[in-house]
PDB file of N, CA and C in Angstrom:
ATOM      1  N   UNK A   1     102.817  84.180 101.439  1.00  0.00           N
ATOM      2  CA  UNK A   1     102.525  82.689 101.647  1.00  0.00           C
ATOM      3  C   UNK A   1     101.637  82.784 100.127  1.00  0.00           C
ATOM      4  N   UNK A   2     101.589  81.670 100.101  1.00  0.00           N
ATOM      5  CA  UNK A   2     100.696  80.988  99.061  1.00  0.00           C
ATOM      6  C   UNK A   2      99.378  80.810  99.254  1.00  0.00           C
ATOM      7  N   UNK A   3      98.233  81.591  98.886  1.00  0.00           N
ATOM      8  CA  UNK A   3      96.845  81.237  98.850  1.00  0.00           C
ATOM      9  C   UNK A   3      97.003  79.714  98.714  1.00  0.00           C
ATOM     10  N   UNK A   4      95.650  79.614  98.949  1.00  0.00           N
ATOM     11  CA  UNK A   4      95.180  77.538  99.223  1.00  0.00           C
ATOM     12  C   UNK A   4      94.432  77.774  97.992  1.00  0.00           C
ATOM     13  N   UNK A   5      94.355  79.017  97.407  1.00  0.00           N
ATOM     14  CA  UNK A   5      93.101  78.171  96.593  1.00  0.00           C
ATOM     15  C   UNK A   5      93.934  77.495  95.160  1.00  0.00           C
ATOM     16  N   UNK A   6      93.171  76.620  94.601  1.00  0.00           N
ATOM     17  CA  UNK A   6      94.060  76.121  93.723  1.00  0.00           C
ATOM     18  C   UNK A   6      93.561  76.467  92.021  1.00  0.00           C
ATOM     19  N   UNK A   7      93.990  76.669  91.157  1.00  0.00           N
ATOM     20  CA  UNK A   7      93.705  76.795  89.677  1.00  0.00           C
ATOM     21  C   UNK A   7      93.940  75.840  88.643  1.00  0.00           C
ATOM     22  N   UNK A   8      93.427  75.434  88.286  1.00  0.00           N
ATOM     23  CA  UNK A   8      93.492  74.511  87.030  1.00  0.00           C
ATOM     24  C   UNK A   8      94.324  75.088  85.668  1.00  0.00           C
ATOM     25  N   UNK A   9      94.681  74.096  84.537  1.00  0.00           N
ATOM     26  CA  UNK A   9      95.699  75.376  83.868  1.00  0.00           C
ATOM     27  C   UNK A   9      94.303  76.181  83.017  1.00  0.00           C
ATOM     28  N   UNK A  10      93.641  75.902  82.535  1.00  0.00           N
ATOM     29  CA  UNK A  10      92.283  76.487  81.603  1.00  0.00           C
ATOM     30  C   UNK A  10      92.052  77.963  82.420  1.00  0.00           C
ATOM     31  N   UNK A  11      92.045  77.475  83.667  1.00  0.00           N
ATOM     32  CA  UNK A  11      91.464  78.723  84.498  1.00  0.00           C
ATOM     33  C   UNK A  11      93.018  80.141  84.486  1.00  0.00           C
ATOM     34  N   UNK A  12      94.033  79.060  84.725  1.00  0.00           N
ATOM     35  CA  UNK A  12      95.639  80.087  84.999  1.00  0.00           C
ATOM     36  C   UNK A  12      95.597  80.835  83.328  1.00  0.00           C
ATOM     37  N   UNK A  13      95.317  79.737  82.043  1.00  0.00           N
ATOM     38  CA  UNK A  13      95.349  80.368  80.636  1.00  0.00           C
ATOM     39  C   UNK A  13      94.148  81.682  80.764  1.00  0.00           C
ATOM     40  N   UNK A  14      93.099  81.510  80.797  1.00  0.00           N
ATOM     41  CA  UNK A  14      91.707  82.488  80.826  1.00  0.00           C
ATOM     42  C   UNK A  14      92.561  83.653  81.466  1.00  0.00           C
ATOM     43  N   UNK A  15      93.329  83.935  82.484  1.00  0.00           N
ATOM     44  CA  UNK A  15      93.554  84.940  83.295  1.00  0.00           C
ATOM     45  C   UNK A  15      94.539  85.079  82.944  1.00  0.00           C
ATOM     46  N   UNK A  16      95.810  84.371  81.958  1.00  0.00           N
ATOM     47  CA  UNK A  16      96.635  85.356  81.597  1.00  0.00           C
ATOM     48  C   UNK A  16      96.170  86.085  80.526  1.00  0.00           C
ATOM     49  N   UNK A  17      95.103  84.994  79.325  1.00  0.00           N
ATOM     50  CA  UNK A  17      94.648  85.853  78.058  1.00  0.00           C
ATOM     51  C   UNK A  17      94.029  87.036  78.428  1.00  0.00           C
ATOM     52  N   UNK A  18      92.925  86.915  79.537  1.00  0.00           N
ATOM     53  CA  UNK A  18      92.190  88.145  79.435  1.00  0.00           C
ATOM     54  C   UNK A  18      91.991  89.113  80.520  1.00  0.00           C
ATOM     55  N   UNK A  19      93.770  89.017  81.120  1.00  0.00           N
ATOM     56  CA  UNK A  19      93.913  89.965  82.516  1.00  0.00           C
ATOM     57  C   UNK A  19      95.350  90.280  82.646  1.00  0.00           C
ATOM     58  N   UNK A  20      96.236  89.252  82.256  1.00  0.00           N
ATOM     59  CA  UNK A  20      97.367  89.066  83.462  1.00  0.00           C
ATOM     60  C   UNK A  20      98.446  89.724  81.920  1.00  0.00           C
ATOM     61  N   UNK A  21      98.305  90.120  80.511  1.00  0.00           N
ATOM     62  CA  UNK A  21      98.751  89.412  79.385  1.00  0.00           C
ATOM     63  C   UNK A  21      99.759  90.756  78.859  1.00  0.00           C
ATOM     64  N   UNK A  22     101.138  90.898  79.241  1.00  0.00           N
ATOM     65  CA  UNK A  22     101.499  92.413  79.057  1.00  0.00           C
ATOM     66  C   UNK A  22     101.158  93.502  77.563  1.00  0.00           C
ATOM     67  N   UNK A  23     100.247  92.616  76.306  1.00  0.00           N
ATOM     68  CA  UNK A  23      99.591  92.925  75.217  1.00  0.00           C
ATOM     69  C   UNK A  23      98.262  93.622  75.817  1.00  0.00           C
ATOM     70  N   UNK A  24      97.485  93.614  76.942  1.00  0.00           N
ATOM     71  CA  UNK A  24      96.574  94.358  77.116  1.00  0.00           C
ATOM     72  C   UNK A  24      96.798  95.882  77.599  1.00  0.00           C
ATOM     73  N   UNK A  25      95.926  96.644  76.632  1.00  0.00           N
ATOM     74  CA  UNK A  25      95.864  97.772  76.234  1.00  0.00           C
ATOM     75  C   UNK A  25      95.392  97.911  77.797  1.00  0.00           C
ATOM     76  N   UNK A  26      95.053  98.401  78.966  1.00  0.00           N
ATOM     77  CA  UNK A  26      95.224  98.946  80.398  1.00  0.00           C
ATOM     78  C   UNK A  26      95.556 100.150  80.549  1.00  0.00           C
ATOM     79  N   UNK A  27      95.047 101.242  79.316  1.00  0.00           N
ATOM     80  CA  UNK A  27      95.260 102.801  79.436  1.00  0.00           C
ATOM     81  C   UNK A  27      93.775 103.528  79.683  1.00  0.00           C
ATOM     82  N   UNK A  28      93.456 104.632  79.764  1.00  0.00           N
ATOM     83  CA  UNK A  28      93.031 105.641  79.614  1.00  0.00           C
ATOM     84  C   UNK A  28      92.042 105.243  78.021  1.00  0.00           C
ATOM     85  N   UNK A  29      90.927 105.343  77.785  1.00  0.00           N
ATOM     86  CA  UNK A  29      90.553 105.358  76.604  1.00  0.00           C
ATOM     87  C   UNK A  29      90.389 106.714  75.997  1.00  0.00           C
ATOM     88  N   UNK A  30      91.031 107.230  74.957  1.00  0.00           N
ATOM     89  CA  UNK A  30      91.153 107.767  73.990  1.00  0.00           C
ATOM     90  C   UNK A  30      89.640 108.086  73.075  1.00  0.00           C
ATOM     91  N   UNK A  31      89.084 109.612  73.239  1.00  0.00           N
ATOM     92  CA  UNK A  31      87.827 109.888  72.212  1.00  0.00           C
ATOM     93  C   UNK A  31      87.699 109.168  71.271  1.00  0.00           C
ATOM     94  N   UNK A  32      89.085 108.909  69.750  1.00  0.00           N
ATOM     95  CA  UNK A  32      88.586 108.508  68.875  1.00  0.00           C
ATOM     96  C   UNK A  32      88.301 106.803  69.025  1.00  0.00           C
ATOM     97  N   UNK A  33      88.886 106.317  70.091  1.00  0.00           N
ATOM     98  CA  UNK A  33      88.429 104.945  69.805  1.00  0.00           C
ATOM     99  C   UNK A  33      87.169 104.781  70.793  1.00  0.00           C
ATOM    100  N   UNK A  34      86.683 105.543  71.822  1.00  0.00           N
ATOM    101  CA  UNK A  34      85.500 105.256  71.858  1.00  0.00           C
ATOM    102  C   UNK A  34      84.561 105.464  70.930  1.00  0.00           C
ATOM    103  N   UNK A  35      84.663 106.116  70.094  1.00  0.00           N
ATOM    104  CA  UNK A  35      83.664 106.446  69.231  1.00  0.00           C
ATOM    105  C   UNK A  35      83.728 105.635  67.906  1.00  0.00           C
ATOM    106  N   UNK A  36      84.994 104.919  68.101  1.00  0.00           N
ATOM    107  CA  UNK A  36      85.264 103.402  66.892  1.00  0.00           C
ATOM    108  C   UNK A  36      84.655 102.462  67.675  1.00  0.00           C
ATOM    109  N   UNK A  37      84.465 102.558  69.136  1.00  0.00           N
ATOM    110  CA  UNK A  37      83.442 100.909  70.123  1.00  0.00           C
ATOM    111  C   UNK A  37      82.678 101.143  69.698  1.00  0.00           C
ATOM    112  N   UNK A  38      81.824 102.912  69.343  1.00  0.00           N
ATOM    113  CA  UNK A  38      80.233 102.517  69.611  1.00  0.00           C
ATOM    114  C   UNK A  38      79.881 102.343  68.082  1.00  0.00           C
ATOM    115  N   UNK A  39      80.755 102.646  66.338  1.00  0.00           N
ATOM    116  CA  UNK A  39      80.302 102.188  65.419  1.00  0.00           C
ATOM    117  C   UNK A  39      80.652 100.585  65.452  1.00  0.00           C
ATOM    118  N   UNK A  40      81.586 100.489  65.659  1.00  0.00           N
ATOM    119  CA  UNK A  40      81.162  98.820  66.393  1.00  0.00           C
ATOM    120  C   UNK A  40      80.095  98.031  66.701  1.00  0.00           C
ATOM    121  N   UNK A  41      79.889  98.599  68.008  1.00  0.00           N
ATOM    122  CA  UNK A  41      79.054  97.507  68.141  1.00  0.00           C
ATOM    123  C   UNK A  41      77.494  98.338  67.428  1.00  0.00           C
ATOM    124  N   UNK A  42      77.686  99.235  66.952  1.00  0.00           N
ATOM    125  CA  UNK A  42      76.260  99.295  65.953  1.00  0.00           C
ATOM    126  C   UNK A  42      76.249  98.471  64.512  1.00  0.00           C
ATOM    127  N   UNK A  43      77.325  98.225  64.386  1.00  0.00           N
ATOM    128  CA  UNK A  43      77.056  97.646  63.172  1.00  0.00           C
ATOM    129  C   UNK A  43      77.697  95.533  63.313  1.00  0.00           C
ATOM    130  N   UNK A  44      78.469  95.304  65.029  1.00  0.00           N
ATOM    131  CA  UNK A  44      78.002  93.923  65.209  1.00  0.00           C
ATOM    132  C   UNK A  44      77.173  93.462  66.144  1.00  0.00           C
ATOM    133  N   UNK A  45      76.538  94.660  66.718  1.00  0.00           N
ATOM    134  CA  UNK A  45      75.779  94.217  68.116  1.00  0.00           C
ATOM    135  C   UNK A  45      76.270  94.315  69.441  1.00  0.00           C
ATOM    136  N   UNK A  46      75.426  94.264  70.795  1.00  0.00           N
ATOM    137  CA  UNK A  46      76.046  94.464  71.841  1.00  0.00           C
ATOM    138  C   UNK A  46      76.484  92.393  72.055  1.00  0.00           C
ATOM    139  N   UNK A  47      76.197  92.044  71.601  1.00  0.00           N
ATOM    140  CA  UNK A  47      76.296  90.311  72.240  1.00  0.00           C
ATOM    141  C   UNK A  47      78.012  89.879  71.847  1.00  0.00           C
ATOM    142  N   UNK A  48      78.399  90.848  70.806  1.00  0.00           N
ATOM    143  CA  UNK A  48      79.768  90.110  69.899  1.00  0.00           C
ATOM    144  C   UNK A  48      81.113  90.815  70.685  1.00  0.00           C
ATOM    145  N   UNK A  49      81.319  90.712  71.371  1.00  0.00           N
ATOM    146  CA  UNK A  49      81.842  91.718  72.287  1.00  0.00           C
ATOM    147  C   UNK A  49      84.220  91.006  71.522  1.00  0.00           C
ATOM    148  N   UNK A  50      83.957  89.763  71.371  1.00  0.00           N
ATOM    149  CA  UNK A  50      85.187  89.122  71.390  1.00  0.00           C
ATOM    150  C   UNK A  50      85.260  89.871  69.630  1.00  0.00           C
ATOM    151  N   UNK A  51      84.585  90.035  68.984  1.00  0.00           N
ATOM    152  CA  UNK A  51      84.952  90.822  67.625  1.00  0.00           C
ATOM    153  C   UNK A  51      84.528  91.919  67.594  1.00  0.00           C
ATOM    154  N   UNK A  52      84.022  92.609  68.598  1.00  0.00           N
ATOM    155  CA  UNK A  52      84.493  94.330  68.780  1.00  0.00           C
ATOM    156  C   UNK A  52      86.075  94.607  69.368  1.00  0.00           C
ATOM    157  N   UNK A  53      86.302  94.043  70.297  1.00  0.00           N
ATOM    158  CA  UNK A  53      87.831  93.713  70.589  1.00  0.00           C
ATOM    159  C   UNK A  53      88.515  93.812  69.777  1.00  0.00           C
ATOM    160  N   UNK A  54      88.318  92.623  68.177  1.00  0.00           N
ATOM    161  CA  UNK A  54      89.383  92.356  67.928  1.00  0.00           C
ATOM    162  C   UNK A  54      89.343  93.769  66.726  1.00  0.00           C
ATOM    163  N   UNK A  55      88.087  93.922  66.060  1.00  0.00           N
ATOM    164  CA  UNK A  55      88.525  94.673  65.328  1.00  0.00           C
ATOM    165  C   UNK A  55      88.770  95.669  65.451  1.00  0.00           C
ATOM    166  N   UNK A  56      88.317  96.499  67.017  1.00  0.00           N
ATOM    167  CA  UNK A  56      88.383  97.850  67.407  1.00  0.00           C
ATOM    168  C   UNK A  56      90.285  97.761  67.567  1.00  0.00           C
ATOM    169  N   UNK A  57      91.146  97.185  67.469  1.00  0.00           N
ATOM    170  CA  UNK A  57      92.564  96.902  67.135  1.00  0.00           C
ATOM    171  C   UNK A  57      93.420  97.842  67.845  1.00  0.00           C
ATOM    172  N   UNK A  58      93.155  97.994  69.452  1.00  0.00           N
ATOM    173  CA  UNK A  58      93.758  98.698  70.061  1.00  0.00           C
ATOM    174  C   UNK A  58      93.811  97.477  71.152  1.00  0.00           C
ATOM    175  N   UNK A  59      94.224  96.510  71.609  1.00  0.00           N
ATOM    176  CA  UNK A  59      94.581  95.444  72.475  1.00  0.00           C
ATOM    177  C   UNK A  59      93.716  95.301  73.221  1.00  0.00           C
ATOM    178  N   UNK A  60      92.481  95.880  73.326  1.00  0.00           N
ATOM    179  CA  UNK A  60      91.472  96.061  74.958  1.00  0.00           C
ATOM    180  C   UNK A  60      90.710  94.448  74.169  1.00  0.00           C
ATOM    181  N   UNK A  61      90.597  94.046  75.326  1.00  0.00           N
ATOM    182  CA  UNK A  61      89.390  92.571  75.708  1.00  0.00           C
ATOM    183  C   UNK A  61      88.173  92.582  75.779  1.00  0.00           C
ATOM    184  N   UNK A  62      87.746  91.819  75.185  1.00  0.00           N
ATOM    185  CA  UNK A  62      85.914  91.786  75.108  1.00  0.00           C
ATOM    186  C   UNK A  62      85.334  92.238  76.467  1.00  0.00           C
ATOM    187  N   UNK A  63      85.860  92.410  77.459  1.00  0.00           N
ATOM    188  CA  UNK A  63      85.392  92.861  78.199  1.00  0.00           C
ATOM    189  C   UNK A  63      85.355  94.109  79.098  1.00  0.00           C
ATOM    190  N   UNK A  64      86.646  93.904  78.142  1.00  0.00           N
ATOM    191  CA  UNK A  64      86.982  96.139  78.809  1.00  0.00           C
ATOM    192  C   UNK A  64      86.168  96.709  77.408  1.00  0.00           C
ATOM    193  N   UNK A  65      85.864  96.344  76.384  1.00  0.00           N
ATOM    194  CA  UNK A  65      84.526  96.687  75.564  1.00  0.00           C
ATOM    195  C   UNK A  65      83.625  96.964  76.240  1.00  0.00           C
ATOM    196  N   UNK A  66      83.182  95.767  76.435  1.00  0.00           N
ATOM    197  CA  UNK A  66      81.871  95.457  77.443  1.00  0.00           C
ATOM    198  C   UNK A  66      81.916  95.997  78.489  1.00  0.00           C
ATOM    199  N   UNK A  67      82.713  96.823  79.013  1.00  0.00           N
ATOM    200  CA  UNK A  67      82.144  97.324  80.224  1.00  0.00           C
ATOM    201  C   UNK A  67      82.950  98.614  79.415  1.00  0.00           C
ATOM    202  N   UNK A  68      83.109  99.148  79.193  1.00  0.00           N
ATOM    203  CA  UNK A  68      83.693 100.587  78.647  1.00  0.00           C
ATOM    204  C   UNK A  68      81.877 101.445  78.097  1.00  0.00           C
ATOM    205  N   UNK A  69      81.619 100.525  77.035  1.00  0.00           N
ATOM    206  CA  UNK A  69      80.075 100.731  76.359  1.00  0.00           C
ATOM    207  C   UNK A  69      79.240 101.134  77.342  1.00  0.00           C
ATOM    208  N   UNK A  70      78.931  99.876  78.012  1.00  0.00           N
ATOM    209  CA  UNK A  70      77.528  99.737  79.411  1.00  0.00           C
ATOM    210  C   UNK A  70      77.657 100.698  79.672  1.00  0.00           C
ATOM    211  N   UNK A  71      79.149 101.338  80.595  1.00  0.00           N
ATOM    212  CA  UNK A  71      78.970 102.503  81.426  1.00  0.00           C
ATOM    213  C   UNK A  71      78.758 103.654  81.158  1.00  0.00           C
ATOM    214  N   UNK A  72      79.588 103.880  79.732  1.00  0.00           N
ATOM    215  CA  UNK A  72      79.930 105.414  79.146  1.00  0.00           C
ATOM    216  C   UNK A  72      79.076 105.460  77.736  1.00  0.00           C
ATOM    217  N   UNK A  73      79.056 104.832  77.432  1.00  0.00           N
ATOM    218  CA  UNK A  73      78.650 104.777  75.669  1.00  0.00           C
ATOM    219  C   UNK A  73      76.985 104.545  75.045  1.00  0.00           C
ATOM    220  N   UNK A  74      76.647 103.650  76.057  1.00  0.00           N
ATOM    221  CA  UNK A  74      74.983 103.209  75.666  1.00  0.00           C
ATOM    222  C   UNK A  74      74.206 103.956  75.941  1.00  0.00           C
ATOM    223  N   UNK A  75      73.693 104.309  75.394  1.00  0.00           N
ATOM    224  CA  UNK A  75      72.401 105.269  75.108  1.00  0.00           C
ATOM    225  C   UNK A  75      71.529 104.507  75.628  1.00  0.00           C
ATOM    226  N   UNK A  76      71.370 103.325  75.687  1.00  0.00           N
ATOM    227  CA  UNK A  76      70.395 102.747  76.532  1.00  0.00           C
ATOM    228  C   UNK A  76      69.820 103.054  78.229  1.00  0.00           C
ATOM    229  N   UNK A  77      71.443 103.863  78.588  1.00  0.00           N
ATOM    230  CA  UNK A  77      71.216 103.558  80.132  1.00  0.00           C
ATOM    231  C   UNK A  77      71.972 105.639  80.208  1.00  0.00           C
ATOM    232  N   UNK A  78      70.668 106.063  80.450  1.00  0.00           N
ATOM    233  CA  UNK A  78      70.147 107.777  81.098  1.00  0.00           C
ATOM    234  C   UNK A  78      70.919 107.494  82.598  1.00  0.00           C
ATOM    235  N   UNK A  79      71.679 108.485  82.063  1.00  0.00           N
ATOM    236  CA  UNK A  79      72.609 109.500  82.820  1.00  0.00           C
ATOM    237  C   UNK A  79      71.167 110.605  83.880  1.00  0.00           C
ATOM    238  N   UNK A  80      70.266 110.010  84.444  1.00  0.00           N
ATOM    239  CA  UNK A  80      69.217 111.594  84.647  1.00  0.00           C
ATOM    240  C   UNK A  80      68.745 111.140  86.299  1.00  0.00           C
ATOM    241  N   UNK A  81      67.984 111.440  86.581  1.00  0.00           N
ATOM    242  CA  UNK A  81      67.527 112.151  87.951  1.00  0.00           C
ATOM    243  C   UNK A  81      66.701 110.665  88.401  1.00  0.00           C
ATOM    244  N   UNK A  82      66.396 110.343  89.185  1.00  0.00           N
ATOM    245  CA  UNK A  82      65.572 109.596  89.188  1.00  0.00           C
ATOM    246  C   UNK A  82      63.780 109.783  88.911  1.00  0.00           C
ATOM    247  N   UNK A  83      62.742 109.155  88.977  1.00  0.00           N
ATOM    248  CA  UNK A  83      61.168 110.109  88.594  1.00  0.00           C
ATOM    249  C   UNK A  83      60.988 109.655  89.794  1.00  0.00           C
ATOM    250  N   UNK A  84      59.573 110.062  90.232  1.00  0.00           N
ATOM    251  CA  UNK A  84      58.874 110.160  91.142  1.00  0.00           C
ATOM    252  C   UNK A  84      59.050 108.921  92.194  1.00  0.00           C
ATOM    253  N   UNK A  85      58.679 108.060  91.034  1.00  0.00           N
ATOM    254  CA  UNK A  85      57.530 106.878  91.040  1.00  0.00           C
ATOM    255  C   UNK A  85      58.841 105.532  90.857  1.00  0.00           C
ATOM    256  N   UNK A  86      60.119 105.702  90.559  1.00  0.00           N
ATOM    257  CA  UNK A  86      60.941 105.198  90.628  1.00  0.00           C
ATOM    258  C   UNK A  86      61.809 105.132  91.971  1.00  0.00           C
ATOM    259  N   UNK A  87      61.698 106.676  92.764  1.00  0.00           N
ATOM    260  CA  UNK A  87      61.817 106.764  93.971  1.00  0.00           C
ATOM    261  C   UNK A  87      60.748 105.983  94.688  1.00  0.00           C
ATOM    262  N   UNK A  88      59.899 105.726  95.002  1.00  0.00           N
ATOM    263  CA  UNK A  88      58.485 104.720  95.700  1.00  0.00           C
ATOM    264  C   UNK A  88      59.016 103.559  95.470  1.00  0.00           C
ATOM    265  N   UNK A  89      59.500 103.032  94.337  1.00  0.00           N
ATOM    266  CA  UNK A  89      59.430 101.684  94.020  1.00  0.00           C
ATOM    267  C   UNK A  89      60.199 101.233  95.217  1.00  0.00           C
ATOM    268  N   UNK A  90      61.491 101.531  95.083  1.00  0.00           N
ATOM    269  CA  UNK A  90      63.030 101.493  95.317  1.00  0.00           C
ATOM    270  C   UNK A  90      62.330 101.317  96.812  1.00  0.00           C
ATOM    271  N   UNK A  91      61.812 103.207  97.337  1.00  0.00           N
ATOM    272  CA  UNK A  91      61.690 102.695  98.846  1.00  0.00           C
ATOM    273  C   UNK A  91      60.956 101.594  99.427  1.00  0.00           C
ATOM    274  N   UNK A  92      59.849 101.470  98.481  1.00  0.00           N
ATOM    275  CA  UNK A  92      59.297 100.351  99.176  1.00  0.00           C
ATOM    276  C   UNK A  92      59.947  98.824  98.965  1.00  0.00           C
ATOM    277  N   UNK A  93      60.557  98.722  98.121  1.00  0.00           N
ATOM    278  CA  UNK A  93      61.154  97.186  98.062  1.00  0.00           C
ATOM    279  C   UNK A  93      62.111  97.337  99.479  1.00  0.00           C
ATOM    280  N   UNK A  94      62.909  98.632  99.516  1.00  0.00           N
ATOM    281  CA  UNK A  94      63.751  98.546 100.911  1.00  0.00           C
ATOM    282  C   UNK A  94      62.983  97.696 102.279  1.00  0.00           C
ATOM    283  N   UNK A  95      61.639  98.923 102.332  1.00  0.00           N
ATOM    284  CA  UNK A  95      61.196  98.394 103.283  1.00  0.00           C
ATOM    285  C   UNK A  95      60.608  96.822 103.000  1.00  0.00           C
ATOM    286  N   UNK A  96      60.319  96.172 101.941  1.00  0.00           N
ATOM    287  CA  UNK A  96      60.265  95.115 102.315  1.00  0.00           C
ATOM    288  C   UNK A  96      61.036  94.049 102.752  1.00  0.00           C
ATOM    289  N   UNK A  97      62.191  94.386 101.946  1.00  0.00           N
ATOM    290  CA  UNK A  97      63.406  93.300 101.312  1.00  0.00           C
ATOM    291  C   UNK A  97      64.500  93.784 102.324  1.00  0.00           C
ATOM    292  N   UNK A  98      64.244  95.165 103.480  1.00  0.00           N
ATOM    293  CA  UNK A  98      65.556  95.505 104.262  1.00  0.00           C
ATOM    294  C   UNK A  98      66.884  96.317 102.830  1.00  0.00           C
ATOM    295  N   UNK A  99      67.415  96.610 103.278  1.00  0.00           N
ATOM    296  CA  UNK A  99      69.445  97.439 102.739  1.00  0.00           C
ATOM    297  C   UNK A  99      70.123  96.267 102.576  1.00  0.00           C
ATOM    298  N   UNK A 100      69.952  94.633 102.608  1.00  0.00           N
ATOM    299  CA  UNK A 100      71.092  93.956 102.824  1.00  0.00           C
ATOM    300  C   UNK A 100      70.500  92.974 101.918  1.00  0.00           C
ATOM    301  N   UNK A 101      69.130  92.328 101.648  1.00  0.00           N
ATOM    302  CA  UNK A 101      69.052  90.779 101.928  1.00  0.00           C
ATOM    303  C   UNK A 101      68.081  91.594  99.864  1.00  0.00           C
ATOM    304  N   UNK A 102      68.935  91.628  99.206  1.00  0.00           N
ATOM    305  CA  UNK A 102      68.761  91.760  97.480  1.00  0.00           C
ATOM    306  C   UNK A 102      68.744  90.314  97.191  1.00  0.00           C
ATOM    307  N   UNK A 103      69.363  89.934  97.453  1.00  0.00           N
ATOM    308  CA  UNK A 103      69.415  88.252  96.333  1.00  0.00           C
ATOM    309  C   UNK A 103      68.453  87.772  96.862  1.00  0.00           C
ATOM    310  N   UNK A 104      67.501  87.614  97.748  1.00  0.00           N
ATOM    311  CA  UNK A 104      66.008  87.148  98.144  1.00  0.00           C
ATOM    312  C   UNK A 104      65.048  87.731  97.464  1.00  0.00           C
ATOM    313  N   UNK A 105      65.298  88.478  96.475  1.00  0.00           N
ATOM    314  CA  UNK A 105      64.124  89.362  95.661  1.00  0.00           C
ATOM    315  C   UNK A 105      64.328  88.762  94.372  1.00  0.00           C
ATOM    316  N   UNK A 106      63.114  88.049  93.991  1.00  0.00           N
ATOM    317  CA  UNK A 106      62.620  86.948  92.892  1.00  0.00           C
ATOM    318  C   UNK A 106      62.375  87.857  91.029  1.00  0.00           C
ATOM    319  N   UNK A 107      61.660  89.307  91.431  1.00  0.00           N
ATOM    320  CA  UNK A 107      61.655  89.538  90.601  1.00  0.00           C
ATOM    321  C   UNK A 107      61.596  91.277  90.515  1.00  0.00           C
TER     322      UNK A 107
END
């Protein structure tokens, strides 16, 4: 059974290029590949993911490069325990907005 959702030609093309094309590398990241990613981001910046993916030459999409960098390689994102102040601010926000109304938060 087909979905009633329709896709225009542009959306289908984007899906093919960015997700479904058989040349896209969907495998695990090698250590050398991740290190090269960091070098390319250092060289070209954190906003030029198309160029980073192209220069990486491992058939990763720009979105894959961004995701890998932000989740694993970006030194600005610290993997640490929360401070008491951060815990307190989160507890206050939950008390104010509840556990499921985060879209209502303006700042």
